[in-house]
Amino acid sequence: MGISGNWDKRRLETTNRLGSIAQRQFMRSIRTRVAELIFGACPLLERIVAAPRFSGYPFSLGIASGDPLPDGVVLWTRLAPEPLAADGCGGMPEESISVRWEMAADENFSRVVHQGTVRARPELAHSVHVEVEGLEPTREYYYRFKAGSEVSPVGRTKTAPALGNAVCADAFRLRLLPDVRARLLHCLRPHI
């Protein structure tokens, strides 16, 4: 089955419907887009603030970890000294901020096992997402972030068990507060 029709006529009609722009305007638009593409995507030309000054505590939204695997986890935070700022930027400038992260085997960070530096970029609302690999299965780790002179609270995370290992039932045991446990037993008593 072939495509039939007068394609030259359709192309001409489409071009006429789109209108015409001046050659200078077109070239200026193309040059601008090419420059944005080249300079915007070039990390060497991006200004990164290594020692920022914040109007408040930048880790006001806290820190988090998740998506555990046997050999890694994901760490997250967002810099927002003013999380409810009217501009929606959390009180942050339109510049990338250098954020250092550390993961340790102990809460005092005397045995740091992984560390690195990432950029909190304005187009990502100054959020940081770090995928840490090379960890041991079923192990607790401690992590924190640093931005300028500010340090986040210490978080605790745990990697998943190795593939094929049985998961201990205690890991899923429901722990209830005594009052809640008593109410639950009271509700279940007629059915026991």
Foldseek 3Di string as FASTA:
>chain_A
DDDDDDVVVVVVVVVVVVPDDDPVVVVVVVVVVVCCVVQVPDPVNADEAQADDAPAAQQPVAKDWDPFAQFWIKIKTAGARQCVDPVNLNRDDQGKFKKKKWKALDPVRPGTDDIDIDIQHSVNSRMDMDIDGGHHGQGKMKMWMDTNPHIGHIDIDHHHHHPPDDDDPVVVDDDDDPVVVVVVCVVCVVVD
